[in-house]
Each structure stands twice: as structure tokens, then as C-alpha cells.
Protein backbone atom coordinates (compact mmCIF):
# COMPACT_ATOMS: atom_id res chain seq x y z
CA UNK A 1 -31.57 27.31 -16.60
CA UNK A 2 -30.10 24.96 -13.97
CA UNK A 3 -33.12 25.61 -11.78
CA UNK A 4 -35.51 24.72 -14.62
CA UNK A 5 -33.50 21.56 -15.42
CA UNK A 6 -33.53 20.48 -11.78
CA UNK A 7 -37.28 21.04 -11.62
CA UNK A 8 -37.85 18.90 -14.73
CA UNK A 9 -35.70 16.07 -13.32
CA UNK A 10 -37.58 16.21 -10.02
CA UNK A 11 -40.91 15.99 -11.81
CA UNK A 12 -39.75 13.01 -13.90
CA UNK A 13 -38.61 11.08 -10.84
CA UNK A 14 -41.75 11.97 -8.95
CA UNK A 15 -43.92 10.70 -11.81
CA UNK A 16 -41.93 7.47 -11.96
CA UNK A 17 -42.31 6.98 -8.24
CA UNK A 18 -46.04 7.48 -8.48
CA UNK A 19 -46.24 4.95 -11.31
CA UNK A 20 -44.52 2.22 -9.32
CA UNK A 21 -47.01 0.01 -7.44
CA UNK A 22 -46.56 -0.26 -3.71
CA UNK A 23 -45.87 -3.61 -2.06
CA UNK A 24 -49.51 -3.63 -0.92
CA UNK A 25 -50.71 -3.06 -4.48
CA UNK A 26 -48.43 -5.79 -5.83
CA UNK A 27 -49.68 -8.17 -3.14
CA UNK A 28 -53.32 -7.33 -3.97
CA UNK A 29 -52.71 -7.89 -7.68
CA UNK A 30 -51.11 -11.28 -7.08
CA UNK A 31 -53.91 -12.29 -4.72
CA UNK A 32 -56.57 -11.28 -7.27
CA UNK A 33 -54.84 -13.25 -10.01
CA UNK A 34 -54.63 -16.28 -7.74
CA UNK A 35 -58.30 -16.11 -6.83
CA UNK A 36 -59.41 -15.89 -10.48
CA UNK A 37 -58.02 -19.34 -11.27
CA UNK A 38 -58.57 -21.08 -7.91
CA UNK A 39 -60.21 -24.49 -7.77
CA UNK A 40 -60.29 -27.57 -5.58
CA UNK A 41 -59.99 -31.03 -7.06
CA UNK A 42 -60.96 -34.63 -6.45
CA UNK A 43 -58.53 -36.54 -4.29
CA UNK A 44 -55.41 -37.17 -6.39
CA UNK A 45 -54.10 -40.47 -5.08
CA UNK A 46 -50.52 -41.65 -4.84
CA UNK A 47 -49.77 -45.29 -5.70
CA UNK A 48 -47.88 -47.04 -2.92
CA UNK A 49 -46.52 -50.55 -3.14
CA UNK A 50 -48.81 -51.47 -6.00
CA UNK A 51 -51.94 -50.37 -4.11
CA UNK A 52 -53.62 -47.21 -5.24
CA UNK A 53 -54.34 -44.98 -2.26
CA UNK A 54 -57.83 -44.33 -3.57
CA UNK A 55 -58.72 -47.64 -1.93
CA UNK A 56 -59.74 -45.63 1.09
CA UNK A 57 -60.25 -48.66 3.29
CA UNK A 58 -56.49 -48.21 3.86
CA UNK A 59 -54.53 -45.26 5.22
CA UNK A 60 -53.54 -43.41 2.06
CA UNK A 61 -51.57 -40.62 0.49
CA UNK A 62 -52.53 -38.07 -2.12
CA UNK A 63 -50.89 -35.06 -3.67
CA UNK A 64 -53.61 -32.69 -2.51
CA UNK A 65 -55.80 -33.91 0.41
CA UNK A 66 -54.93 -34.38 4.07
CA UNK A 67 -57.62 -35.32 6.56
CA UNK A 68 -60.42 -37.75 7.31
CA UNK A 69 -62.80 -39.40 4.86
CA UNK A 70 -65.91 -41.39 5.78
CA UNK A 71 -67.20 -43.42 2.85
CA UNK A 72 -70.44 -45.41 2.78
CA UNK A 73 -73.02 -46.48 0.24
CA UNK A 74 -74.50 -43.92 -2.14
CA UNK A 75 -77.26 -41.68 -0.78
CA UNK A 76 -75.92 -41.82 2.78
CA UNK A 77 -74.70 -38.32 3.66
CA UNK A 78 -76.79 -35.15 3.53
CA UNK A 79 -74.64 -32.74 5.59
CA UNK A 80 -71.13 -32.39 7.00
CA UNK A 81 -69.92 -29.97 9.68
CA UNK A 82 -66.69 -29.21 11.49
CA UNK A 83 -65.22 -26.48 13.69
CA UNK A 84 -61.63 -25.25 13.55
CA UNK A 85 -59.42 -22.42 14.75
CA UNK A 86 -57.91 -20.28 11.97
CA UNK A 87 -54.14 -20.91 11.75
CA UNK A 88 -51.28 -18.55 10.88
CA UNK A 89 -49.10 -19.95 8.08
CA UNK A 90 -45.35 -19.43 8.41
CA UNK A 91 -42.18 -19.94 6.41
CA UNK A 92 -42.07 -19.66 2.64
CA UNK A 93 -44.83 -18.20 0.49
CA UNK A 94 -47.67 -20.66 -0.04
CA UNK A 95 -51.31 -21.50 0.52
CA UNK A 96 -53.51 -24.20 1.99
CA UNK A 97 -57.24 -24.59 2.50
CA UNK A 98 -59.35 -26.12 5.28
CA UNK A 99 -62.77 -27.36 4.24
CA UNK A 100 -65.61 -29.79 4.80
CA UNK A 101 -67.41 -31.50 1.96
CA UNK A 102 -69.51 -34.28 0.52
CA UNK A 103 -68.05 -36.63 -2.14
CA UNK A 104 -64.89 -36.42 -4.23
CA UNK A 105 -63.11 -39.52 -2.83
CA UNK A 106 -64.84 -42.83 -3.59
CA UNK A 107 -67.42 -40.82 -5.56
CA UNK A 108 -65.72 -38.92 -8.37
CA UNK A 109 -68.75 -37.18 -9.82
CA UNK A 110 -68.72 -33.95 -7.80
CA UNK A 111 -67.97 -32.27 -4.47
CA UNK A 112 -70.05 -29.77 -2.54
CA UNK A 113 -67.69 -28.02 -0.15
CA UNK A 114 -66.95 -24.86 1.79
CA UNK A 115 -63.85 -23.64 3.53
CA UNK A 116 -61.15 -21.05 4.05
CA UNK A 117 -57.90 -20.51 2.18
CA UNK A 118 -54.92 -19.21 4.14
CA UNK A 119 -52.13 -17.67 2.09
CA UNK A 120 -48.71 -16.27 2.98
CA UNK A 121 -47.24 -13.83 0.45
CA UNK A 122 -44.21 -11.64 1.16
CA UNK A 123 -44.82 -11.99 4.87
CA UNK A 124 -48.49 -11.00 4.60
CA UNK A 125 -51.25 -13.44 5.54
CA UNK A 126 -54.63 -13.35 3.84
CA UNK A 127 -57.77 -15.43 4.33
CA UNK A 128 -60.51 -16.16 1.81
CA UNK A 129 -63.77 -17.90 2.67
CA UNK A 130 -65.27 -19.76 -0.27
CA UNK A 131 -67.83 -22.30 -1.49
CA UNK A 132 -67.73 -24.66 -4.44
CA UNK A 133 -69.67 -27.33 -6.26
CA UNK A 134 -66.85 -29.06 -8.09
CA UNK A 135 -66.21 -29.28 -11.04
CA UNK A 136 -67.28 -25.62 -11.15
CA UNK A 137 -64.70 -23.18 -9.80
CA UNK A 138 -64.73 -21.85 -6.25
CA UNK A 139 -66.38 -18.53 -5.45
CA UNK A 140 -65.61 -16.28 -2.50
CA UNK A 141 -67.94 -15.24 0.27
CA UNK A 142 -67.91 -11.45 0.40
CA UNK A 143 -67.38 -9.43 3.57
CA UNK A 144 -66.57 -12.26 5.98
CA UNK A 145 -63.79 -10.94 8.19
CA UNK A 146 -61.32 -13.62 9.31
CA UNK A 147 -58.33 -13.25 11.63
CA UNK A 148 -55.83 -15.74 13.06
CA UNK A 149 -57.34 -17.50 16.07
CA UNK A 150 -60.96 -17.02 15.01
CA UNK A 151 -63.16 -20.06 15.54
CA UNK A 152 -65.12 -21.04 12.42
CA UNK A 153 -67.92 -23.55 11.94
CA UNK A 154 -68.13 -24.95 8.41
CA UNK A 155 -71.25 -26.75 7.16
CA UNK A 156 -72.36 -28.08 3.79
CA UNK A 157 -75.81 -29.57 3.19
CA UNK A 158 -77.20 -31.49 0.24
CA UNK A 159 -80.98 -31.15 0.05
CA UNK A 160 -80.99 -33.24 -3.13
CA UNK A 161 -78.21 -34.65 -5.31
CA UNK A 162 -78.35 -31.43 -7.33
CA UNK A 163 -79.07 -28.71 -4.72
CA UNK A 164 -77.60 -27.72 -1.39
CA UNK A 165 -76.03 -24.96 0.67
CA UNK A 166 -72.77 -23.82 2.25
CA UNK A 167 -72.53 -21.98 5.57
CA UNK A 168 -69.58 -20.50 7.44
CA UNK A 169 -70.10 -19.09 10.94
CA UNK A 170 -67.36 -17.06 12.59
CA UNK A 171 -68.25 -17.61 16.23
CA UNK A 172 -65.54 -15.16 17.31
CA UNK A 173 -67.04 -12.20 15.47
CA UNK A 174 -70.66 -13.39 15.29
CA UNK A 175 -70.73 -13.22 11.47
CA UNK A 176 -72.42 -15.90 9.37
CA UNK A 177 -72.49 -16.26 5.58
CA UNK A 178 -74.58 -18.70 3.54
CA UNK A 179 -74.89 -19.60 -0.12
CA UNK A 180 -77.44 -21.78 -1.89
CA UNK A 181 -75.83 -24.00 -4.51
CA UNK A 182 -77.01 -26.02 -7.47
CA UNK A 183 -75.07 -28.60 -9.42
CA UNK A 184 -73.13 -27.33 -12.43
CA UNK A 185 -73.47 -28.67 -15.93
CA UNK A 186 -71.14 -31.44 -17.02
CA UNK A 187 -69.44 -28.92 -19.34
CA UNK A 188 -67.90 -27.37 -16.20
CA UNK A 189 -65.84 -30.52 -15.72
CA UNK A 190 -62.14 -30.42 -16.49
CA UNK A 191 -60.74 -33.07 -18.79
CA UNK A 192 -58.71 -34.53 -15.92
CA UNK A 193 -61.70 -35.38 -13.76
CA UNK A 194 -63.81 -38.48 -14.06
CA UNK A 195 -67.10 -36.70 -13.48
CA UNK A 196 -70.37 -38.36 -14.34
CA UNK A 197 -73.64 -36.59 -15.01
CA UNK A 198 -77.30 -37.23 -15.28
CA UNK A 199 -79.06 -37.51 -18.60
CA UNK A 200 -79.83 -33.79 -18.33
CA UNK A 201 -76.09 -33.02 -18.37
CA UNK A 202 -75.96 -31.93 -14.70
CA UNK A 203 -73.19 -33.15 -12.41
CA UNK A 204 -74.79 -34.57 -9.26
CA UNK A 205 -73.66 -35.82 -5.87
CA UNK A 206 -73.49 -39.45 -4.80
CA UNK A 207 -73.83 -38.69 -1.09
CA UNK A 208 -71.32 -41.38 -0.17
CA UNK A 209 -68.26 -39.45 1.12
CA UNK A 210 -68.03 -37.07 4.11
CA UNK A 211 -64.73 -35.21 4.50
CA UNK A 212 -62.74 -32.93 6.82
CA UNK A 213 -59.75 -31.81 4.78
CA UNK A 214 -56.76 -29.51 4.45
CA UNK A 215 -56.01 -29.24 0.74
CA UNK A 216 -53.20 -28.08 -1.48
CA UNK A 217 -55.56 -26.53 -4.01
CA UNK A 218 -54.97 -25.57 -7.63
CA UNK A 219 -54.62 -22.30 -9.51
CA UNK A 220 -54.85 -22.43 -13.30
CA UNK A 221 -54.53 -26.21 -13.27
CA UNK A 222 -51.44 -26.53 -11.07
CA UNK A 223 -50.94 -27.06 -7.35
CA UNK A 224 -49.97 -23.94 -5.41
CA UNK A 225 -46.91 -24.08 -3.13
CA UNK A 226 -48.18 -25.82 0.00
CA UNK A 227 -48.01 -23.51 3.02
CA UNK A 228 -46.72 -24.51 6.44
CA UNK A 229 -50.08 -24.01 8.17
CA UNK A 230 -48.96 -25.41 11.51
CA UNK A 231 -52.00 -27.48 12.39
CA UNK A 232 -55.73 -27.51 11.82
CA UNK A 233 -57.98 -29.34 14.29
CA UNK A 234 -61.52 -30.05 13.19
CA UNK A 235 -63.56 -30.51 16.37
CA UNK A 236 -67.18 -31.63 16.53
CA UNK A 237 -66.68 -33.28 13.15
CA UNK A 238 -69.92 -34.98 12.18
CA UNK A 239 -72.07 -35.90 9.22
CA UNK A 240 -75.84 -36.25 8.90
CA UNK A 241 -77.25 -39.34 7.22
CA UNK A 242 -80.47 -40.08 5.38
CA UNK A 243 -83.32 -41.97 6.99
CA UNK A 244 -82.66 -44.84 4.59
CA UNK A 245 -79.07 -44.98 5.90
CA UNK A 246 -80.23 -45.07 9.51
CA UNK A 247 -80.64 -41.35 10.16
CA UNK A 248 -77.91 -41.35 12.83
CA UNK A 249 -75.04 -38.85 12.87
CA UNK A 250 -71.64 -40.17 11.86
CA UNK A 251 -68.46 -38.79 13.45
CA UNK A 252 -64.91 -38.93 12.14
CA UNK A 253 -64.21 -41.97 14.33
CA UNK A 254 -63.09 -44.85 12.16
CA UNK A 255 -62.69 -42.70 9.06
CA UNK A 256 -59.95 -43.34 6.53
CA UNK A 257 -56.95 -41.03 6.71
CA UNK A 258 -55.27 -39.30 3.79
CA UNK A 259 -52.02 -37.35 4.02
CA UNK A 260 -50.32 -35.15 1.43
CA UNK A 261 -47.27 -36.63 -0.23
CA UNK A 262 -45.42 -34.76 -2.98
CA UNK A 263 -42.16 -35.72 -4.70
CA UNK A 264 -41.69 -38.58 -2.25
CA UNK A 265 -42.01 -36.36 0.81
CA UNK A 266 -44.91 -36.65 3.26
CA UNK A 267 -46.02 -33.11 4.13
CA UNK A 268 -48.81 -33.78 6.66
CA UNK A 269 -49.71 -36.04 9.54
CA UNK A 270 -53.40 -36.71 10.27
CA UNK A 271 -54.76 -38.24 13.46
CA UNK A 272 -58.34 -38.95 14.53
CA UNK A 273 -59.50 -38.91 18.14
CA UNK A 274 -63.22 -39.60 18.41
CA UNK A 275 -64.93 -36.82 16.50
CA UNK A 276 -61.79 -34.66 16.29
CA UNK A 277 -59.51 -34.61 13.24
CA UNK A 278 -56.04 -33.10 13.69
CA UNK A 279 -54.03 -32.31 10.56
CA UNK A 280 -50.46 -31.12 11.14
CA UNK A 281 -47.89 -29.84 8.68
CA UNK A 282 -44.92 -32.21 8.89
């Protein structure tokens, strides 16, 4: 009888052990939940000394964007590119995202963008490459392998105000992914954004902002804990302009700078050196 009882107890504990998810499974579940609600946002400015930081002719602060912003007249920019080395976040659990994009600063109608999220969870680092035409949600590129130290080239192109593409090239591995994009309907817009749309109800680009950014992005409408990403250096940062705007490439030189400030604390420091943009976690 004691032998049978011991066997039953062993089976019960074994079943319970099998039912408990492993740390890897818990991590994967949390990562999947995070991805399902992930979105970027327009620059969320911080008011300083009576001047709203969205006046991007001044150095500025926002709750979500750190980096360089070139702003010109509408219908100026048709492509933006930048190269960076994938960082390794440290410290507490959190996330950040490095991306290039068109619009979303002085133009609040939409953003076409592509980039990479880096997330630290329970000591594990994960990377997700993505593309987005805000206000629609971000979508992941499948099967792009990314490791710390890889060198990535990010490029977005706007063929028209309502159509474009996103490309990420991992020059370390030789992989390249590309996605054609079209503008979402105005119904994709969140109530907090100030998106405009055409008469057909489609959210279109202005083509007046070019950006190289590290963002504290949102999940389910709230900012994620901002990861200590060390630093991200966008090299060869440049933007292509329309013939009407002169047709000459524009670098990050002379761009406006935004840094992330939350709860009165400045979390990043951005510097521009020619066509290089260096964004450091403070």
C-alpha cells in the first residue's frame, strides 16, 4: 500500500512539474504579449520654460524620442537611411527601439519608419526588426537574425505620399528584408494623435521630416520601461530630397536634437557630428 501511495504522489508531483512553464516559455509568452500591442508614436513633446519642445528649431525634449530631426517644407523628403551597430541593453528590464523615418515631428499626419527593438527581460536580450506606417501598428519582419554587434542599414522610402517601402540590411550576416507599405485608413488613428487624412480617408505623408531616432515605444497605449541601451550611433545618416526641393541629399548636420525626458529626468544625450548621430543613455 505504501508503495502504491508513493507512486501516486510521485506521479502527481511529476504532472505538476510538467504543467509549470519554464523560464524560457514564460519569457516567450511575455515577449509575444508585448509584440501584440507594440506601436510607435508621434513625438510627444515636453514643455520647457513656456516653450513647447515641438518647436523643433530649438533643442528639445520629449517623453519618447531621442535623436536628430531634419524638418523642411512639405514634399521635401523621399527616403531616409542610417547605419548603426546593434547594442546590448543592460540593467533593469526594459526596451528601446532604433529607427529611421519620415514625418511625425513637425508633420503629425503619419510616419513611415523601420527599425529594431532591443528588449531585456529577466537577463535575456531579444531583438525584433519591424516596419510601420503610423498610425497603424508595427509589424515584425520574419526570419531576420540579429545579434549584438551586428551592423544594420535601415532605409525607408516614400514613392508617393501614400506608398513606400522599408528595408533592413544586416551587413554582418548578409541578410536583407524588405516590405512594401501603403498608407492606412484614418480609422487606424488613435484618439490621441492629431492625424490628418485625404478626402478618401487615407492617412498620408507630408514628406517634411527626416529622423534618426531611439524611441521609448508604447505597448497597449503606455510607454514601456526605457532600457539602458548604452549608445546607438547612426552613421552615414542621410535623406533623399525631391527634385522640387533641390534633389540634393541632406545629412544630419544642422538637424534639431530631441532627448528623452521623463518625470523631470533626462534619460538620453544626443550629439551630431556631420552625418553621424550619437544617442547615449544618460
